[in-house]
């Protein structure tokens, strides 16, 4: 079993450099009164713990990121459903208004002339007239 002072010195040395060259291993062993093999094994074990800690930290970070992405996906799914409902409502309203306009035109005493005129008017798309521009296409 290593003393607290030996562990502290080994930890300080590990923080300086995680790898252990032969010369450094021999110097540490001599300074701490340990067998060079003990120092080598301690460094090997410490590197393994250090790598495991890094993996655990990375796992925690990825898990948190994943959880945040799942929450955002749920929020977006909910927003999509809400927007689809709004779209359906708008489509129903358009259909209702179109039927109302149709009903108004068919009940009108001048409906035949209106429907004929409606078929001959040039439709507009925004500020642009849609119709025959001489290219042979409508």
N, C-alpha and C. Protein backbone atom coordinates (compact mmCIF):
# COMPACT_ATOMS: atom_id res chain seq x y z
N UNK A 1 0.86 -1.19 0.00
CA UNK A 1 0.00 0.00 0.00
C UNK A 1 0.89 1.24 0.00
N UNK A 2 0.52 2.17 -0.87
CA UNK A 2 1.30 3.40 -0.99
C UNK A 2 0.87 4.40 0.08
N UNK A 3 1.82 5.20 0.53
CA UNK A 3 1.49 6.25 1.51
C UNK A 3 0.81 7.41 0.77
N UNK A 4 0.17 8.27 1.55
CA UNK A 4 -0.49 9.44 0.97
C UNK A 4 0.51 10.32 0.22
N UNK A 5 1.70 10.47 0.79
CA UNK A 5 2.74 11.29 0.16
C UNK A 5 3.20 10.68 -1.17
N UNK A 6 3.36 9.35 -1.20
CA UNK A 6 3.75 8.68 -2.44
C UNK A 6 2.68 8.88 -3.52
N UNK A 7 1.43 8.71 -3.14
CA UNK A 7 0.31 8.88 -4.08
C UNK A 7 0.28 10.33 -4.58
N UNK A 8 0.47 11.28 -3.67
CA UNK A 8 0.46 12.69 -4.06
C UNK A 8 1.57 12.98 -5.07
N UNK A 9 2.75 12.46 -4.83
CA UNK A 9 3.88 12.68 -5.75
C UNK A 9 3.63 12.00 -7.10
N UNK A 10 3.08 10.79 -7.06
CA UNK A 10 2.76 10.09 -8.31
C UNK A 10 1.69 10.85 -9.10
N UNK A 11 0.68 11.37 -8.39
CA UNK A 11 -0.39 12.14 -9.04
C UNK A 11 0.18 13.41 -9.70
N UNK A 12 1.07 14.09 -8.98
CA UNK A 12 1.68 15.30 -9.53
C UNK A 12 2.47 14.96 -10.80
N UNK A 13 3.19 13.87 -10.74
CA UNK A 13 3.98 13.44 -11.89
C UNK A 13 3.06 13.05 -13.05
N UNK A 14 1.95 12.40 -12.73
CA UNK A 14 0.98 11.99 -13.76
C UNK A 14 0.36 13.21 -14.44
N UNK A 15 0.08 14.25 -13.65
CA UNK A 15 -0.51 15.46 -14.21
C UNK A 15 0.46 16.14 -15.18
N UNK A 16 1.76 16.05 -14.88
CA UNK A 16 2.76 16.63 -15.78
C UNK A 16 2.80 15.87 -17.11
N UNK A 17 2.77 14.55 -17.03
CA UNK A 17 2.88 13.70 -18.23
C UNK A 17 2.26 12.34 -17.93
N UNK A 18 1.31 11.93 -18.78
CA UNK A 18 0.61 10.66 -18.56
C UNK A 18 1.47 9.45 -18.95
N UNK A 19 2.42 9.68 -19.83
CA UNK A 19 3.31 8.58 -20.25
C UNK A 19 4.50 8.53 -19.29
N UNK A 20 5.07 7.36 -19.17
CA UNK A 20 6.17 7.17 -18.22
C UNK A 20 7.37 6.55 -18.94
N UNK A 21 8.41 7.37 -19.15
CA UNK A 21 9.63 6.85 -19.76
C UNK A 21 10.45 6.12 -18.69
N UNK A 22 11.34 5.28 -19.14
CA UNK A 22 12.15 4.45 -18.24
C UNK A 22 12.95 5.30 -17.25
N UNK A 23 13.56 6.36 -17.75
CA UNK A 23 14.38 7.22 -16.89
C UNK A 23 13.53 7.86 -15.79
N UNK A 24 12.38 8.35 -16.17
CA UNK A 24 11.49 9.00 -15.20
C UNK A 24 10.96 7.98 -14.18
N UNK A 25 10.65 6.79 -14.67
CA UNK A 25 10.16 5.72 -13.79
C UNK A 25 11.22 5.39 -12.73
N UNK A 26 12.44 5.25 -13.16
CA UNK A 26 13.53 4.92 -12.22
C UNK A 26 13.74 6.05 -11.22
N UNK A 27 13.69 7.30 -11.68
CA UNK A 27 13.88 8.45 -10.79
C UNK A 27 12.77 8.50 -9.74
N UNK A 28 11.49 8.34 -10.19
CA UNK A 28 10.36 8.36 -9.24
C UNK A 28 10.48 7.22 -8.23
N UNK A 29 10.81 6.04 -8.72
CA UNK A 29 10.94 4.88 -7.83
C UNK A 29 12.00 5.15 -6.77
N UNK A 30 13.11 5.72 -7.18
CA UNK A 30 14.19 6.03 -6.25
C UNK A 30 13.76 7.08 -5.22
N UNK A 31 13.10 8.17 -5.72
CA UNK A 31 12.66 9.24 -4.82
C UNK A 31 11.62 8.76 -3.82
N UNK A 32 10.75 7.85 -4.25
CA UNK A 32 9.63 7.42 -3.40
C UNK A 32 9.91 6.12 -2.65
N UNK A 33 11.07 5.54 -2.89
CA UNK A 33 11.41 4.29 -2.20
C UNK A 33 10.54 3.13 -2.67
N UNK A 34 10.23 3.11 -3.96
CA UNK A 34 9.38 2.05 -4.53
C UNK A 34 10.16 1.27 -5.58
N UNK A 35 9.67 0.11 -5.88
CA UNK A 35 10.21 -0.68 -6.98
C UNK A 35 9.76 -0.03 -8.29
N UNK A 36 10.63 0.07 -9.30
CA UNK A 36 10.22 0.65 -10.58
C UNK A 36 8.98 -0.02 -11.18
N UNK A 37 8.83 -1.32 -10.93
CA UNK A 37 7.65 -2.04 -11.44
C UNK A 37 6.38 -1.49 -10.78
N UNK A 38 6.44 -1.16 -9.47
CA UNK A 38 5.28 -0.58 -8.78
C UNK A 38 4.87 0.75 -9.41
N UNK A 39 5.88 1.57 -9.73
CA UNK A 39 5.60 2.87 -10.35
C UNK A 39 4.96 2.65 -11.72
N UNK A 40 5.48 1.71 -12.50
CA UNK A 40 4.94 1.43 -13.83
C UNK A 40 3.50 0.95 -13.75
N UNK A 41 3.21 0.05 -12.81
CA UNK A 41 1.85 -0.46 -12.65
C UNK A 41 0.92 0.65 -12.18
N UNK A 42 1.41 1.50 -11.25
CA UNK A 42 0.56 2.61 -10.78
C UNK A 42 0.18 3.52 -11.96
N UNK A 43 1.17 3.86 -12.80
CA UNK A 43 0.89 4.72 -13.96
C UNK A 43 -0.07 4.04 -14.93
N UNK A 44 0.11 2.75 -15.13
CA UNK A 44 -0.77 2.01 -16.04
C UNK A 44 -2.21 2.05 -15.52
N UNK A 45 -2.38 1.79 -14.23
CA UNK A 45 -3.72 1.82 -13.62
C UNK A 45 -4.31 3.24 -13.65
N UNK A 46 -3.44 4.22 -13.39
CA UNK A 46 -3.92 5.61 -13.37
C UNK A 46 -4.37 6.05 -14.76
N UNK A 47 -3.63 5.64 -15.80
CA UNK A 47 -4.03 5.95 -17.17
C UNK A 47 -5.37 5.30 -17.51
N UNK A 48 -5.57 4.08 -17.06
CA UNK A 48 -6.84 3.38 -17.31
C UNK A 48 -7.99 4.11 -16.64
N UNK A 49 -7.79 4.54 -15.38
CA UNK A 49 -8.85 5.30 -14.67
C UNK A 49 -9.12 6.63 -15.37
N UNK A 50 -8.04 7.29 -15.83
CA UNK A 50 -8.17 8.57 -16.53
C UNK A 50 -8.98 8.40 -17.83
N UNK A 51 -8.67 7.34 -18.59
CA UNK A 51 -9.41 7.09 -19.84
C UNK A 51 -10.87 6.77 -19.55
N UNK A 52 -11.12 5.97 -18.52
CA UNK A 52 -12.50 5.65 -18.16
C UNK A 52 -13.28 6.90 -17.76
N UNK A 53 -12.62 7.77 -17.02
CA UNK A 53 -13.27 9.02 -16.61
C UNK A 53 -13.62 9.87 -17.83
N UNK A 54 -12.68 9.95 -18.77
CA UNK A 54 -12.95 10.70 -20.01
C UNK A 54 -14.13 10.10 -20.76
N UNK A 55 -14.18 8.77 -20.84
CA UNK A 55 -15.29 8.10 -21.52
C UNK A 55 -16.62 8.36 -20.82
N UNK A 56 -16.60 8.30 -19.49
CA UNK A 56 -17.83 8.58 -18.72
C UNK A 56 -18.30 10.01 -18.95
N UNK A 57 -17.36 10.94 -18.94
CA UNK A 57 -17.70 12.35 -19.18
C UNK A 57 -18.29 12.54 -20.58
N UNK A 58 -17.66 11.92 -21.56
CA UNK A 58 -18.15 12.02 -22.94
C UNK A 58 -19.53 11.38 -23.07
N UNK A 59 -19.72 10.23 -22.41
CA UNK A 59 -21.03 9.57 -22.43
C UNK A 59 -22.10 10.48 -21.83
N UNK A 60 -21.79 11.09 -20.69
CA UNK A 60 -22.75 11.99 -20.04
C UNK A 60 -23.09 13.16 -20.95
N UNK A 61 -22.07 13.72 -21.59
CA UNK A 61 -22.29 14.84 -22.50
C UNK A 61 -23.18 14.41 -23.68
N UNK A 62 -22.87 13.27 -24.28
CA UNK A 62 -23.67 12.77 -25.41
C UNK A 62 -25.09 12.43 -24.99
N UNK A 63 -25.23 11.86 -23.79
CA UNK A 63 -26.57 11.52 -23.29
C UNK A 63 -27.41 12.78 -23.11
N UNK A 64 -26.82 13.81 -22.53
CA UNK A 64 -27.53 15.09 -22.35
C UNK A 64 -27.90 15.71 -23.68
N UNK A 65 -26.97 15.67 -24.63
CA UNK A 65 -27.25 16.20 -25.97
C UNK A 65 -28.39 15.42 -26.60
N UNK A 66 -28.35 14.11 -26.49
CA UNK A 66 -29.42 13.26 -27.05
C UNK A 66 -30.76 13.60 -26.42
N UNK A 67 -30.79 13.74 -25.10
CA UNK A 67 -32.04 14.07 -24.42
C UNK A 67 -32.58 15.42 -24.90
N UNK A 68 -31.69 16.39 -25.08
CA UNK A 68 -32.12 17.70 -25.59
C UNK A 68 -32.67 17.59 -27.01
N UNK A 69 -32.04 16.77 -27.83
CA UNK A 69 -32.51 16.58 -29.21
C UNK A 69 -33.88 15.90 -29.21
N UNK A 70 -34.07 14.91 -28.33
CA UNK A 70 -35.37 14.23 -28.25
C UNK A 70 -36.46 15.21 -27.82
N UNK A 71 -36.16 16.05 -26.84
CA UNK A 71 -37.14 17.05 -26.39
C UNK A 71 -37.47 18.01 -27.53
N UNK A 72 -36.45 18.46 -28.26
CA UNK A 72 -36.67 19.37 -29.39
C UNK A 72 -37.49 18.68 -30.48
N UNK A 73 -37.21 17.40 -30.73
CA UNK A 73 -37.99 16.66 -31.73
C UNK A 73 -39.45 16.58 -31.32
N UNK A 74 -39.71 16.31 -30.07
CA UNK A 74 -41.10 16.27 -29.58
C UNK A 74 -41.77 17.63 -29.76
N UNK A 75 -41.04 18.69 -29.46
CA UNK A 75 -41.60 20.03 -29.63
C UNK A 75 -41.92 20.29 -31.09
N UNK A 76 -41.00 19.91 -31.98
CA UNK A 76 -41.22 20.11 -33.41
C UNK A 76 -42.36 19.24 -33.93
N UNK A 77 -42.47 17.99 -33.44
CA UNK A 77 -43.59 17.13 -33.83
C UNK A 77 -44.91 17.77 -33.43
N UNK A 78 -44.95 18.32 -32.24
CA UNK A 78 -46.16 18.99 -31.76
C UNK A 78 -46.48 20.20 -32.63
N UNK A 79 -45.44 20.96 -32.98
CA UNK A 79 -45.64 22.14 -33.83
C UNK A 79 -46.16 21.72 -35.20
N UNK A 80 -45.62 20.63 -35.75
CA UNK A 80 -46.09 20.13 -37.06
C UNK A 80 -47.56 19.77 -36.98
N UNK A 81 -47.96 19.07 -35.91
CA UNK A 81 -49.38 18.71 -35.76
C UNK A 81 -50.25 19.97 -35.70
N UNK A 82 -49.81 20.95 -34.94
CA UNK A 82 -50.56 22.20 -34.82
C UNK A 82 -50.67 22.90 -36.18
N UNK A 83 -49.57 22.93 -36.93
CA UNK A 83 -49.60 23.57 -38.24
C UNK A 83 -50.48 22.80 -39.22
N UNK A 84 -50.48 21.46 -39.12
CA UNK A 84 -51.36 20.66 -39.99
C UNK A 84 -52.82 20.95 -39.67
N UNK A 85 -53.13 21.09 -38.38
CA UNK A 85 -54.50 21.44 -37.99
C UNK A 85 -54.88 22.81 -38.56
N UNK A 86 -53.97 23.77 -38.46
CA UNK A 86 -54.23 25.10 -39.02
C UNK A 86 -54.45 25.03 -40.53
N UNK A 87 -53.65 24.21 -41.20
CA UNK A 87 -53.79 24.05 -42.65
C UNK A 87 -55.14 23.45 -43.00
N UNK A 88 -55.55 22.41 -42.27
CA UNK A 88 -56.87 21.80 -42.50
C UNK A 88 -57.97 22.81 -42.27
N UNK A 89 -57.87 23.58 -41.20
CA UNK A 89 -58.87 24.61 -40.92
C UNK A 89 -58.93 25.63 -42.06
N UNK A 90 -57.77 26.05 -42.55
CA UNK A 90 -57.73 27.02 -43.64
C UNK A 90 -58.32 26.44 -44.91
N UNK A 91 -58.01 25.16 -45.19
CA UNK A 91 -58.57 24.52 -46.38
C UNK A 91 -60.08 24.40 -46.28
N UNK A 92 -60.59 24.06 -45.10
CA UNK A 92 -62.05 23.99 -44.90
C UNK A 92 -62.68 25.36 -45.09
N UNK A 93 -62.03 26.40 -44.58
CA UNK A 93 -62.55 27.76 -44.73
C UNK A 93 -62.57 28.17 -46.20
N UNK A 94 -61.52 27.85 -46.93
CA UNK A 94 -61.47 28.16 -48.37
C UNK A 94 -62.60 27.44 -49.09
N UNK A 95 -62.78 26.15 -48.75
CA UNK A 95 -63.85 25.38 -49.38
C UNK A 95 -65.22 25.98 -49.04
N UNK A 96 -65.42 26.36 -47.80
CA UNK A 96 -66.69 26.95 -47.38
C UNK A 96 -66.94 28.25 -48.13
N UNK A 97 -65.92 29.09 -48.23
CA UNK A 97 -66.07 30.36 -48.95
C UNK A 97 -66.32 30.14 -50.44
N UNK A 98 -65.64 29.16 -51.03
CA UNK A 98 -65.83 28.86 -52.45
C UNK A 98 -67.26 28.40 -52.70
N UNK A 99 -67.78 27.55 -51.79
CA UNK A 99 -69.16 27.09 -51.94
C UNK A 99 -70.13 28.26 -51.77
N UNK A 100 -69.83 29.14 -50.87
CA UNK A 100 -70.68 30.30 -50.65
C UNK A 100 -70.70 31.20 -51.90
N UNK A 101 -69.53 31.42 -52.49
CA UNK A 101 -69.45 32.22 -53.71
C UNK A 101 -70.21 31.52 -54.84
N UNK A 102 -70.04 30.20 -54.97
CA UNK A 102 -70.76 29.43 -55.98
C UNK A 102 -72.26 29.57 -55.79
N UNK A 103 -72.70 29.45 -54.54
CA UNK A 103 -74.12 29.57 -54.23
C UNK A 103 -74.64 30.95 -54.55
N UNK A 104 -73.88 31.96 -54.26
CA UNK A 104 -74.28 33.33 -54.53
C UNK A 104 -74.40 33.56 -56.03
N UNK A 105 -73.43 33.06 -56.79
CA UNK A 105 -73.46 33.24 -58.24
C UNK A 105 -74.61 32.48 -58.88
N UNK A 106 -74.88 31.25 -58.43
CA UNK A 106 -75.94 30.45 -59.05
C UNK A 106 -77.32 30.97 -58.69
N UNK A 107 -77.48 31.66 -57.58
CA UNK A 107 -78.77 32.23 -57.18
C UNK A 107 -78.99 33.62 -57.75
N UNK A 108 -78.00 34.20 -58.35
CA UNK A 108 -78.09 35.56 -58.87
C UNK A 108 -78.87 35.58 -60.18
N UNK A 109 -79.72 36.62 -60.41
CA UNK A 109 -80.48 36.70 -61.66
C UNK A 109 -79.57 36.91 -62.86
N UNK A 110 -78.37 37.41 -62.63
CA UNK A 110 -77.46 37.62 -63.75
C UNK A 110 -76.34 36.59 -63.72
N UNK A 111 -76.65 35.43 -63.16
CA UNK A 111 -75.61 34.42 -62.98
C UNK A 111 -75.04 33.94 -64.29
N UNK A 112 -75.85 33.80 -65.31
CA UNK A 112 -75.32 33.30 -66.57
C UNK A 112 -74.33 34.28 -67.17
N UNK A 113 -74.63 35.58 -67.10
CA UNK A 113 -73.71 36.56 -67.67
C UNK A 113 -72.46 36.69 -66.79
N UNK A 114 -72.62 36.56 -65.47
CA UNK A 114 -71.47 36.65 -64.57
C UNK A 114 -70.54 35.48 -64.81
N UNK A 115 -71.09 34.27 -64.92
CA UNK A 115 -70.23 33.11 -65.10
C UNK A 115 -69.53 33.17 -66.44
N UNK A 116 -70.21 33.71 -67.47
CA UNK A 116 -69.55 33.85 -68.76
C UNK A 116 -68.43 34.88 -68.66
N UNK A 117 -68.72 36.00 -68.01
CA UNK A 117 -67.69 37.03 -67.84
C UNK A 117 -66.53 36.49 -67.00
N UNK A 118 -66.86 35.72 -65.97
CA UNK A 118 -65.82 35.17 -65.11
C UNK A 118 -64.89 34.28 -65.89
N UNK A 119 -65.43 33.56 -66.87
CA UNK A 119 -64.58 32.67 -67.67
C UNK A 119 -63.70 33.45 -68.64
N UNK A 120 -64.07 34.70 -68.96
CA UNK A 120 -63.31 35.47 -69.93
C UNK A 120 -62.37 36.48 -69.30
N UNK A 121 -62.42 36.64 -68.00
CA UNK A 121 -61.51 37.59 -67.36
C UNK A 121 -60.13 36.96 -67.24
N UNK A 122 -59.13 37.78 -67.32
CA UNK A 122 -57.76 37.30 -67.21
C UNK A 122 -57.39 37.22 -65.73
N UNK A 123 -56.98 36.04 -65.28
CA UNK A 123 -56.61 35.91 -63.87
C UNK A 123 -55.29 36.61 -63.59
N UNK A 124 -55.14 37.01 -62.35
CA UNK A 124 -53.91 37.64 -61.91
C UNK A 124 -53.25 36.76 -60.85
N UNK A 125 -51.93 36.78 -60.85
CA UNK A 125 -51.16 36.10 -59.81
C UNK A 125 -50.28 37.16 -59.20
N UNK A 126 -50.69 37.61 -58.02
CA UNK A 126 -49.97 38.73 -57.41
C UNK A 126 -50.18 39.95 -58.27
N UNK A 127 -49.11 40.58 -58.70
CA UNK A 127 -49.19 41.76 -59.55
C UNK A 127 -49.07 41.40 -61.03
N UNK A 128 -48.97 40.10 -61.33
CA UNK A 128 -48.71 39.69 -62.70
C UNK A 128 -49.94 39.08 -63.33
N UNK A 129 -50.24 39.51 -64.57
CA UNK A 129 -51.37 38.97 -65.32
C UNK A 129 -50.99 37.59 -65.82
N UNK A 130 -51.91 36.64 -65.65
CA UNK A 130 -51.67 35.29 -66.12
C UNK A 130 -52.54 35.08 -67.33
N UNK A 131 -51.99 34.71 -68.44
CA UNK A 131 -52.81 34.49 -69.64
C UNK A 131 -51.94 34.35 -70.85
N UNK A 132 -52.56 34.64 -72.02
CA UNK A 132 -51.87 34.46 -73.28
C UNK A 132 -50.81 35.54 -73.44
N UNK A 133 -49.57 35.09 -73.54
CA UNK A 133 -48.48 36.04 -73.74
C UNK A 133 -47.85 35.84 -75.11
N UNK A 134 -48.60 35.12 -75.98
CA UNK A 134 -48.14 34.94 -77.35
C UNK A 134 -47.22 33.76 -77.54
N UNK A 135 -46.99 32.96 -76.49
CA UNK A 135 -46.08 31.83 -76.65
C UNK A 135 -46.82 30.53 -76.98
N UNK A 136 -48.14 30.60 -77.10
CA UNK A 136 -48.92 29.41 -77.44
C UNK A 136 -49.34 28.59 -76.25
N UNK A 137 -48.91 28.97 -75.05
CA UNK A 137 -49.31 28.27 -73.83
C UNK A 137 -50.23 29.16 -73.04
N UNK A 138 -51.09 28.54 -72.24
CA UNK A 138 -51.96 29.36 -71.40
C UNK A 138 -51.29 29.66 -70.09
